[in-house]
């Protein structure tokens, strides 16, 4: 770090090589931190979706107890006619109208954090149009 010049004065400072090595090490450490944060962000997204699905399940179970069917009312084979697309909004509208979820939750419950619509199969063990007879089955596309 000290260099001796011809006139015997000492100059202090870092060489260009030393500065480049330090900058490279800082970049390496930053990339390691960013990779580990990405995993944490993904885990947080999964946790949020899990909580949203739990909220939807509780609301739909309460709706079934009150009305004897899953929302939307009068749709006896939702899985055959309501794929994972904008028709899911009808389900959320029905749950809001029944006061089982709040209006403020609408935007969070229409799509998951990856931008996919939630959907479910409400056949209640009734097979129609080639659908499998299953109860509430949630589909999540990651």
N, C-alpha and C. Protein backbone atom coordinates (compact mmCIF):
# COMPACT_ATOMS: atom_id res chain seq x y z
N UNK A 1 0.80 -1.18 0.00
CA UNK A 1 0.00 0.00 0.00
C UNK A 1 0.86 1.26 0.00
N UNK A 2 1.99 1.16 0.52
CA UNK A 2 2.91 2.30 0.45
C UNK A 2 3.90 2.05 -0.66
N UNK A 3 4.09 3.06 -1.47
CA UNK A 3 5.07 2.93 -2.53
C UNK A 3 6.12 4.03 -2.35
N UNK A 4 7.30 3.67 -2.64
CA UNK A 4 8.39 4.63 -2.50
C UNK A 4 8.70 5.21 -3.88
N UNK A 5 8.71 6.51 -3.98
CA UNK A 5 9.01 7.18 -5.24
C UNK A 5 10.48 7.57 -5.28
N UNK A 6 10.93 8.09 -6.40
CA UNK A 6 12.33 8.46 -6.57
C UNK A 6 12.76 9.55 -5.59
N UNK A 7 11.87 10.44 -5.27
CA UNK A 7 12.25 11.53 -4.38
C UNK A 7 11.99 11.18 -2.91
N UNK A 8 11.82 9.92 -2.63
CA UNK A 8 11.70 9.37 -1.28
C UNK A 8 10.45 9.81 -0.54
N UNK A 9 9.42 10.25 -1.22
CA UNK A 9 8.15 10.54 -0.58
C UNK A 9 7.29 9.28 -0.68
N UNK A 10 6.51 8.98 0.37
CA UNK A 10 5.64 7.81 0.37
C UNK A 10 4.24 8.21 -0.06
N UNK A 11 3.69 7.48 -1.00
CA UNK A 11 2.32 7.69 -1.45
C UNK A 11 1.46 6.56 -0.89
N UNK A 12 0.29 6.88 -0.35
CA UNK A 12 -0.60 5.85 0.18
C UNK A 12 -1.84 5.78 -0.69
N UNK A 13 -2.49 4.62 -0.70
CA UNK A 13 -3.70 4.43 -1.48
C UNK A 13 -3.79 2.99 -1.96
N UNK A 14 -4.88 2.68 -2.63
CA UNK A 14 -5.10 1.34 -3.14
C UNK A 14 -4.75 1.30 -4.62
N UNK A 15 -4.27 0.17 -5.03
CA UNK A 15 -3.98 0.00 -6.45
C UNK A 15 -5.27 -0.33 -7.17
N UNK A 16 -5.26 -0.24 -8.46
CA UNK A 16 -6.43 -0.55 -9.27
C UNK A 16 -6.83 -2.01 -9.10
N UNK A 17 -5.87 -2.89 -9.01
CA UNK A 17 -6.15 -4.32 -8.83
C UNK A 17 -6.86 -4.55 -7.50
N UNK A 18 -6.40 -3.92 -6.44
CA UNK A 18 -7.04 -4.09 -5.14
C UNK A 18 -8.49 -3.60 -5.17
N UNK A 19 -8.73 -2.48 -5.80
CA UNK A 19 -10.10 -1.96 -5.91
C UNK A 19 -11.00 -2.90 -6.71
N UNK A 20 -10.49 -3.44 -7.79
CA UNK A 20 -11.28 -4.37 -8.61
C UNK A 20 -11.61 -5.64 -7.85
N UNK A 21 -10.67 -6.14 -7.05
CA UNK A 21 -10.91 -7.35 -6.26
C UNK A 21 -12.01 -7.08 -5.23
N UNK A 22 -11.97 -5.95 -4.56
CA UNK A 22 -12.99 -5.61 -3.57
C UNK A 22 -14.36 -5.45 -4.23
N UNK A 23 -14.41 -4.80 -5.37
CA UNK A 23 -15.68 -4.63 -6.08
C UNK A 23 -16.23 -5.99 -6.53
N UNK A 24 -15.38 -6.87 -6.98
CA UNK A 24 -15.83 -8.21 -7.39
C UNK A 24 -16.38 -8.98 -6.19
N UNK A 25 -15.74 -8.88 -5.04
CA UNK A 25 -16.23 -9.58 -3.84
C UNK A 25 -17.59 -9.02 -3.40
N UNK A 26 -17.76 -7.72 -3.46
CA UNK A 26 -19.05 -7.12 -3.09
C UNK A 26 -20.13 -7.59 -4.06
N UNK A 27 -19.83 -7.65 -5.34
CA UNK A 27 -20.79 -8.15 -6.33
C UNK A 27 -21.16 -9.59 -6.09
N UNK A 28 -20.19 -10.42 -5.72
CA UNK A 28 -20.45 -11.83 -5.44
C UNK A 28 -21.35 -11.97 -4.22
N UNK A 29 -21.06 -11.23 -3.17
CA UNK A 29 -21.90 -11.28 -1.97
C UNK A 29 -23.32 -10.78 -2.26
N UNK A 30 -23.44 -9.74 -3.06
CA UNK A 30 -24.77 -9.22 -3.41
C UNK A 30 -25.58 -10.25 -4.20
N UNK A 31 -24.93 -10.96 -5.10
CA UNK A 31 -25.65 -11.96 -5.89
C UNK A 31 -26.11 -13.12 -5.00
N UNK A 32 -25.31 -13.50 -4.02
CA UNK A 32 -25.72 -14.57 -3.10
C UNK A 32 -26.93 -14.14 -2.29
N UNK A 33 -26.94 -12.90 -1.82
CA UNK A 33 -28.07 -12.39 -1.04
C UNK A 33 -29.33 -12.33 -1.90
N UNK A 34 -29.21 -11.88 -3.14
CA UNK A 34 -30.38 -11.78 -4.01
C UNK A 34 -30.98 -13.15 -4.32
N UNK A 35 -30.13 -14.15 -4.49
CA UNK A 35 -30.63 -15.51 -4.76
C UNK A 35 -31.40 -16.03 -3.55
N UNK A 36 -30.88 -15.79 -2.35
CA UNK A 36 -31.58 -16.28 -1.16
C UNK A 36 -32.87 -15.51 -0.92
N UNK A 37 -32.91 -14.22 -1.28
CA UNK A 37 -34.14 -13.45 -1.13
C UNK A 37 -35.23 -13.91 -2.10
N UNK A 38 -34.83 -14.35 -3.29
CA UNK A 38 -35.81 -14.82 -4.25
C UNK A 38 -36.57 -16.02 -3.71
N UNK A 39 -35.87 -16.92 -3.04
CA UNK A 39 -36.53 -18.06 -2.43
C UNK A 39 -37.50 -17.64 -1.34
N UNK A 40 -37.13 -16.63 -0.57
CA UNK A 40 -38.00 -16.14 0.49
C UNK A 40 -39.25 -15.48 -0.10
N UNK A 41 -39.09 -14.77 -1.18
CA UNK A 41 -40.23 -14.12 -1.84
C UNK A 41 -41.20 -15.18 -2.37
N UNK A 42 -40.67 -16.22 -2.95
CA UNK A 42 -41.51 -17.30 -3.49
C UNK A 42 -42.26 -18.00 -2.35
N UNK A 43 -41.60 -18.23 -1.22
CA UNK A 43 -42.27 -18.84 -0.07
C UNK A 43 -43.37 -17.93 0.46
N UNK A 44 -43.14 -16.63 0.45
CA UNK A 44 -44.16 -15.69 0.90
C UNK A 44 -45.37 -15.72 -0.02
N UNK A 45 -45.14 -15.84 -1.33
CA UNK A 45 -46.25 -15.92 -2.28
C UNK A 45 -47.08 -17.18 -2.03
N UNK A 46 -46.40 -18.30 -1.81
CA UNK A 46 -47.12 -19.56 -1.54
C UNK A 46 -47.92 -19.43 -0.25
N UNK A 47 -47.35 -18.80 0.77
CA UNK A 47 -48.07 -18.60 2.02
C UNK A 47 -49.31 -17.74 1.84
N UNK A 48 -49.20 -16.70 1.03
CA UNK A 48 -50.34 -15.82 0.76
C UNK A 48 -51.45 -16.58 0.04
N UNK A 49 -51.08 -17.37 -0.96
CA UNK A 49 -52.07 -18.15 -1.70
C UNK A 49 -52.74 -19.18 -0.79
N UNK A 50 -51.95 -19.80 0.07
CA UNK A 50 -52.51 -20.79 1.00
C UNK A 50 -53.54 -20.14 1.92
N UNK A 51 -53.24 -18.94 2.41
CA UNK A 51 -54.19 -18.22 3.27
C UNK A 51 -55.45 -17.85 2.49
N UNK A 52 -55.28 -17.40 1.24
CA UNK A 52 -56.44 -17.04 0.43
C UNK A 52 -57.32 -18.24 0.15
N UNK A 53 -56.71 -19.37 -0.17
CA UNK A 53 -57.50 -20.59 -0.43
C UNK A 53 -58.25 -21.01 0.83
N UNK A 54 -57.59 -20.89 1.99
CA UNK A 54 -58.28 -21.23 3.24
C UNK A 54 -59.50 -20.33 3.46
N UNK A 55 -59.36 -19.04 3.17
CA UNK A 55 -60.48 -18.11 3.31
C UNK A 55 -61.61 -18.48 2.36
N UNK A 56 -61.27 -18.82 1.12
CA UNK A 56 -62.29 -19.19 0.14
C UNK A 56 -62.98 -20.48 0.56
N UNK A 57 -62.23 -21.45 1.03
CA UNK A 57 -62.82 -22.73 1.45
C UNK A 57 -63.81 -22.51 2.59
N UNK A 58 -63.42 -21.72 3.59
CA UNK A 58 -64.34 -21.47 4.72
C UNK A 58 -65.61 -20.76 4.24
N UNK A 59 -65.47 -19.79 3.35
CA UNK A 59 -66.65 -19.08 2.85
C UNK A 59 -67.55 -20.02 2.04
N UNK A 60 -66.94 -20.88 1.24
CA UNK A 60 -67.75 -21.79 0.41
C UNK A 60 -68.42 -22.86 1.25
N UNK A 61 -67.76 -23.33 2.30
CA UNK A 61 -68.40 -24.30 3.18
C UNK A 61 -69.59 -23.67 3.91
N UNK A 62 -69.44 -22.41 4.33
CA UNK A 62 -70.55 -21.71 4.97
C UNK A 62 -71.69 -21.50 3.97
N UNK A 63 -71.36 -21.16 2.73
CA UNK A 63 -72.36 -20.98 1.68
C UNK A 63 -73.12 -22.29 1.44
N UNK A 64 -72.39 -23.39 1.41
CA UNK A 64 -73.03 -24.69 1.18
C UNK A 64 -73.99 -25.03 2.32
N UNK A 65 -73.62 -24.71 3.55
CA UNK A 65 -74.50 -24.99 4.68
C UNK A 65 -75.78 -24.15 4.61
N UNK A 66 -75.65 -22.91 4.13
CA UNK A 66 -76.82 -22.02 4.05
C UNK A 66 -77.72 -22.38 2.87
N UNK A 67 -77.13 -22.56 1.68
CA UNK A 67 -77.91 -22.70 0.45
C UNK A 67 -77.98 -24.13 -0.09
N UNK A 68 -77.22 -25.04 0.46
CA UNK A 68 -77.27 -26.43 0.03
C UNK A 68 -76.51 -26.74 -1.25
N UNK A 69 -75.79 -25.78 -1.78
CA UNK A 69 -74.96 -25.99 -2.96
C UNK A 69 -73.80 -25.00 -2.94
N UNK A 70 -72.84 -25.24 -3.78
CA UNK A 70 -71.71 -24.32 -3.87
C UNK A 70 -72.03 -23.20 -4.85
N UNK A 71 -71.42 -22.04 -4.68
CA UNK A 71 -71.71 -20.93 -5.59
C UNK A 71 -71.11 -21.17 -6.96
N UNK A 72 -71.61 -20.51 -7.98
CA UNK A 72 -72.79 -19.66 -8.00
C UNK A 72 -74.07 -20.48 -7.96
N UNK A 73 -75.14 -19.91 -7.42
CA UNK A 73 -76.41 -20.64 -7.25
C UNK A 73 -76.98 -21.08 -8.59
N UNK A 74 -77.54 -22.27 -8.59
CA UNK A 74 -78.20 -22.78 -9.78
C UNK A 74 -77.27 -23.40 -10.79
N UNK A 75 -75.99 -23.35 -10.55
CA UNK A 75 -75.00 -23.93 -11.46
C UNK A 75 -74.66 -25.32 -10.94
N UNK A 76 -75.29 -26.34 -11.50
CA UNK A 76 -75.15 -27.68 -10.95
C UNK A 76 -73.87 -28.40 -11.37
N UNK A 77 -73.20 -27.90 -12.37
CA UNK A 77 -71.98 -28.56 -12.80
C UNK A 77 -70.93 -27.51 -13.17
N UNK A 78 -70.47 -26.81 -12.16
CA UNK A 78 -69.54 -25.70 -12.38
C UNK A 78 -68.25 -26.16 -13.05
N UNK A 79 -67.78 -27.34 -12.69
CA UNK A 79 -66.50 -27.80 -13.24
C UNK A 79 -66.59 -28.01 -14.75
N UNK A 80 -67.77 -28.39 -15.22
CA UNK A 80 -67.92 -28.62 -16.65
C UNK A 80 -68.08 -27.32 -17.42
N UNK A 81 -68.61 -26.27 -16.76
CA UNK A 81 -68.88 -25.04 -17.49
C UNK A 81 -68.05 -23.85 -17.01
N UNK A 82 -67.39 -23.95 -15.87
CA UNK A 82 -66.62 -22.84 -15.32
C UNK A 82 -65.16 -23.23 -15.15
N UNK A 83 -64.38 -23.16 -16.19
CA UNK A 83 -62.95 -23.46 -16.02
C UNK A 83 -62.26 -22.30 -15.29
N UNK A 84 -60.97 -22.42 -15.12
CA UNK A 84 -60.20 -21.39 -14.40
C UNK A 84 -60.04 -20.16 -15.27
N UNK A 85 -61.08 -19.35 -15.35
CA UNK A 85 -61.00 -18.12 -16.13
C UNK A 85 -61.89 -17.07 -15.46
N UNK A 86 -62.37 -16.12 -16.21
CA UNK A 86 -63.13 -15.02 -15.63
C UNK A 86 -64.46 -15.43 -15.01
N UNK A 87 -64.95 -16.63 -15.30
CA UNK A 87 -66.19 -17.07 -14.67
C UNK A 87 -66.02 -17.25 -13.16
N UNK A 88 -64.75 -17.31 -12.70
CA UNK A 88 -64.50 -17.39 -11.25
C UNK A 88 -65.03 -16.14 -10.55
N UNK A 89 -65.08 -15.02 -11.25
CA UNK A 89 -65.57 -13.78 -10.65
C UNK A 89 -67.03 -13.93 -10.20
N UNK A 90 -67.81 -14.75 -10.91
CA UNK A 90 -69.20 -15.00 -10.50
C UNK A 90 -69.25 -15.66 -9.13
N UNK A 91 -68.30 -16.55 -8.86
CA UNK A 91 -68.24 -17.22 -7.57
C UNK A 91 -67.94 -16.19 -6.48
N UNK A 92 -66.95 -15.34 -6.71
CA UNK A 92 -66.59 -14.33 -5.72
C UNK A 92 -67.75 -13.36 -5.50
N UNK A 93 -68.43 -12.94 -6.58
CA UNK A 93 -69.58 -12.06 -6.46
C UNK A 93 -70.67 -12.69 -5.59
N UNK A 94 -70.91 -13.97 -5.80
CA UNK A 94 -71.93 -14.68 -5.03
C UNK A 94 -71.56 -14.72 -3.55
N UNK A 95 -70.29 -14.97 -3.25
CA UNK A 95 -69.85 -15.03 -1.85
C UNK A 95 -69.92 -13.65 -1.20
N UNK A 96 -69.64 -12.59 -1.95
CA UNK A 96 -69.74 -11.23 -1.41
C UNK A 96 -71.20 -10.87 -1.15
N UNK A 97 -72.10 -11.22 -2.09
CA UNK A 97 -73.52 -10.94 -1.92
C UNK A 97 -74.09 -11.67 -0.72
N UNK A 98 -73.55 -12.84 -0.40
CA UNK A 98 -74.02 -13.62 0.74
C UNK A 98 -73.34 -13.17 2.04
N UNK A 99 -72.52 -12.12 1.98
CA UNK A 99 -71.78 -11.59 3.15
C UNK A 99 -70.86 -12.63 3.79
N UNK A 100 -70.29 -13.48 2.97
CA UNK A 100 -69.35 -14.49 3.48
C UNK A 100 -67.90 -14.05 3.31
N UNK A 101 -67.66 -13.13 2.40
CA UNK A 101 -66.36 -12.48 2.31
C UNK A 101 -66.61 -11.00 2.09
N UNK A 102 -65.61 -10.19 2.41
CA UNK A 102 -65.78 -8.74 2.30
C UNK A 102 -65.43 -8.27 0.89
N UNK A 103 -66.06 -7.17 0.51
CA UNK A 103 -65.80 -6.57 -0.80
C UNK A 103 -64.32 -6.22 -0.97
N UNK A 104 -63.67 -5.83 0.12
CA UNK A 104 -62.25 -5.45 0.05
C UNK A 104 -61.36 -6.62 -0.36
N UNK A 105 -61.82 -7.83 -0.17
CA UNK A 105 -61.02 -9.01 -0.50
C UNK A 105 -61.18 -9.44 -1.94
N UNK A 106 -62.06 -8.79 -2.70
CA UNK A 106 -62.36 -9.20 -4.06
C UNK A 106 -61.11 -9.34 -4.93
N UNK A 107 -60.29 -8.31 -4.99
CA UNK A 107 -59.14 -8.34 -5.90
C UNK A 107 -58.14 -9.42 -5.51
N UNK A 108 -57.98 -9.67 -4.23
CA UNK A 108 -57.03 -10.69 -3.79
C UNK A 108 -57.55 -12.10 -4.07
N UNK A 109 -58.85 -12.28 -4.05
CA UNK A 109 -59.42 -13.62 -4.19
C UNK A 109 -59.80 -13.97 -5.62
N UNK A 110 -59.73 -13.03 -6.54
CA UNK A 110 -60.06 -13.35 -7.92
C UNK A 110 -58.91 -14.08 -8.61
N UNK A 111 -57.68 -13.63 -8.36
CA UNK A 111 -56.51 -14.27 -8.97
C UNK A 111 -55.45 -14.53 -7.91
N UNK A 112 -54.63 -15.53 -8.15
CA UNK A 112 -53.53 -15.78 -7.24
C UNK A 112 -52.39 -14.81 -7.52
N UNK A 113 -51.31 -14.91 -6.75
CA UNK A 113 -50.20 -13.96 -6.89
C UNK A 113 -49.44 -14.11 -8.20
N UNK A 114 -49.65 -15.20 -8.91
CA UNK A 114 -49.01 -15.42 -10.21
C UNK A 114 -49.90 -14.97 -11.36
N UNK A 115 -51.11 -14.48 -11.05
CA UNK A 115 -52.01 -13.97 -12.08
C UNK A 115 -52.99 -14.99 -12.62
N UNK A 116 -53.07 -16.17 -12.03
CA UNK A 116 -53.99 -17.21 -12.49
C UNK A 116 -55.29 -17.13 -11.69
N UNK A 117 -56.42 -17.40 -12.35
CA UNK A 117 -57.70 -17.44 -11.65
C UNK A 117 -57.75 -18.69 -10.77
N UNK A 118 -58.39 -18.55 -9.61
CA UNK A 118 -58.69 -19.73 -8.81
C UNK A 118 -59.84 -20.46 -9.49
N UNK A 119 -59.99 -21.73 -9.21
CA UNK A 119 -61.14 -22.48 -9.72
C UNK A 119 -61.37 -23.69 -8.82
N UNK A 120 -62.50 -24.32 -9.01
CA UNK A 120 -62.81 -25.51 -8.23
C UNK A 120 -63.79 -26.38 -9.00
N UNK A 121 -63.89 -27.61 -8.56
CA UNK A 121 -64.81 -28.58 -9.15
C UNK A 121 -65.91 -28.80 -8.13
N UNK A 122 -67.12 -28.37 -8.44
CA UNK A 122 -68.21 -28.50 -7.46
C UNK A 122 -69.23 -29.57 -7.83
N UNK A 123 -68.77 -30.66 -8.39
CA UNK A 123 -69.69 -31.71 -8.81
C UNK A 123 -70.38 -32.39 -7.64
N UNK A 124 -69.80 -32.34 -6.46
CA UNK A 124 -70.39 -33.00 -5.29
C UNK A 124 -70.75 -34.46 -5.60
N UNK A 125 -69.79 -35.15 -6.18
CA UNK A 125 -69.94 -36.57 -6.51
C UNK A 125 -71.03 -36.84 -7.53
N UNK A 126 -71.37 -35.84 -8.34
CA UNK A 126 -72.32 -36.02 -9.44
C UNK A 126 -71.51 -35.86 -10.72
N UNK A 127 -71.50 -36.84 -11.54
CA UNK A 127 -70.70 -36.79 -12.75
C UNK A 127 -71.56 -36.25 -13.90
N UNK A 128 -71.00 -35.30 -14.62
CA UNK A 128 -71.72 -34.74 -15.76
C UNK A 128 -70.74 -34.40 -16.86
N UNK A 129 -71.08 -34.67 -18.07
CA UNK A 129 -70.27 -34.25 -19.21
C UNK A 129 -68.83 -34.73 -19.19
N UNK A 130 -68.57 -35.90 -18.66
CA UNK A 130 -67.22 -36.43 -18.65
C UNK A 130 -66.37 -35.96 -17.48
N UNK A 131 -66.97 -35.25 -16.53
CA UNK A 131 -66.20 -34.79 -15.37
C UNK A 131 -66.07 -35.91 -14.35
N UNK A 132 -65.01 -35.86 -13.59
CA UNK A 132 -64.81 -36.86 -12.54
C UNK A 132 -65.63 -36.46 -11.31
N UNK A 133 -66.27 -37.41 -10.66
CA UNK A 133 -67.03 -37.07 -9.45
C UNK A 133 -66.08 -36.84 -8.28
N UNK A 134 -65.90 -35.58 -7.90
CA UNK A 134 -65.04 -35.24 -6.76
C UNK A 134 -65.73 -34.13 -5.97
N UNK A 135 -65.29 -33.93 -4.77
CA UNK A 135 -65.80 -32.83 -3.96
C UNK A 135 -64.97 -31.59 -4.28
N UNK A 136 -64.86 -30.64 -3.37
CA UNK A 136 -64.11 -29.41 -3.64
C UNK A 136 -62.65 -29.77 -3.87
N UNK A 137 -62.20 -29.53 -5.06
CA UNK A 137 -60.81 -29.81 -5.41
C UNK A 137 -60.21 -28.53 -5.98
N UNK A 138 -59.13 -28.06 -5.35
CA UNK A 138 -58.53 -26.80 -5.75
C UNK A 138 -57.40 -27.04 -6.71
N UNK A 139 -57.31 -26.19 -7.68
CA UNK A 139 -56.25 -26.28 -8.68
C UNK A 139 -55.38 -25.03 -8.55
N UNK A 140 -54.08 -25.24 -8.43
CA UNK A 140 -53.15 -24.11 -8.37
C UNK A 140 -52.08 -24.32 -9.42
N UNK A 141 -51.91 -23.36 -10.30
CA UNK A 141 -50.89 -23.43 -11.32
C UNK A 141 -49.74 -22.55 -10.88
N UNK A 142 -48.61 -23.15 -10.66
CA UNK A 142 -47.45 -22.38 -10.22
C UNK A 142 -46.52 -22.20 -11.38
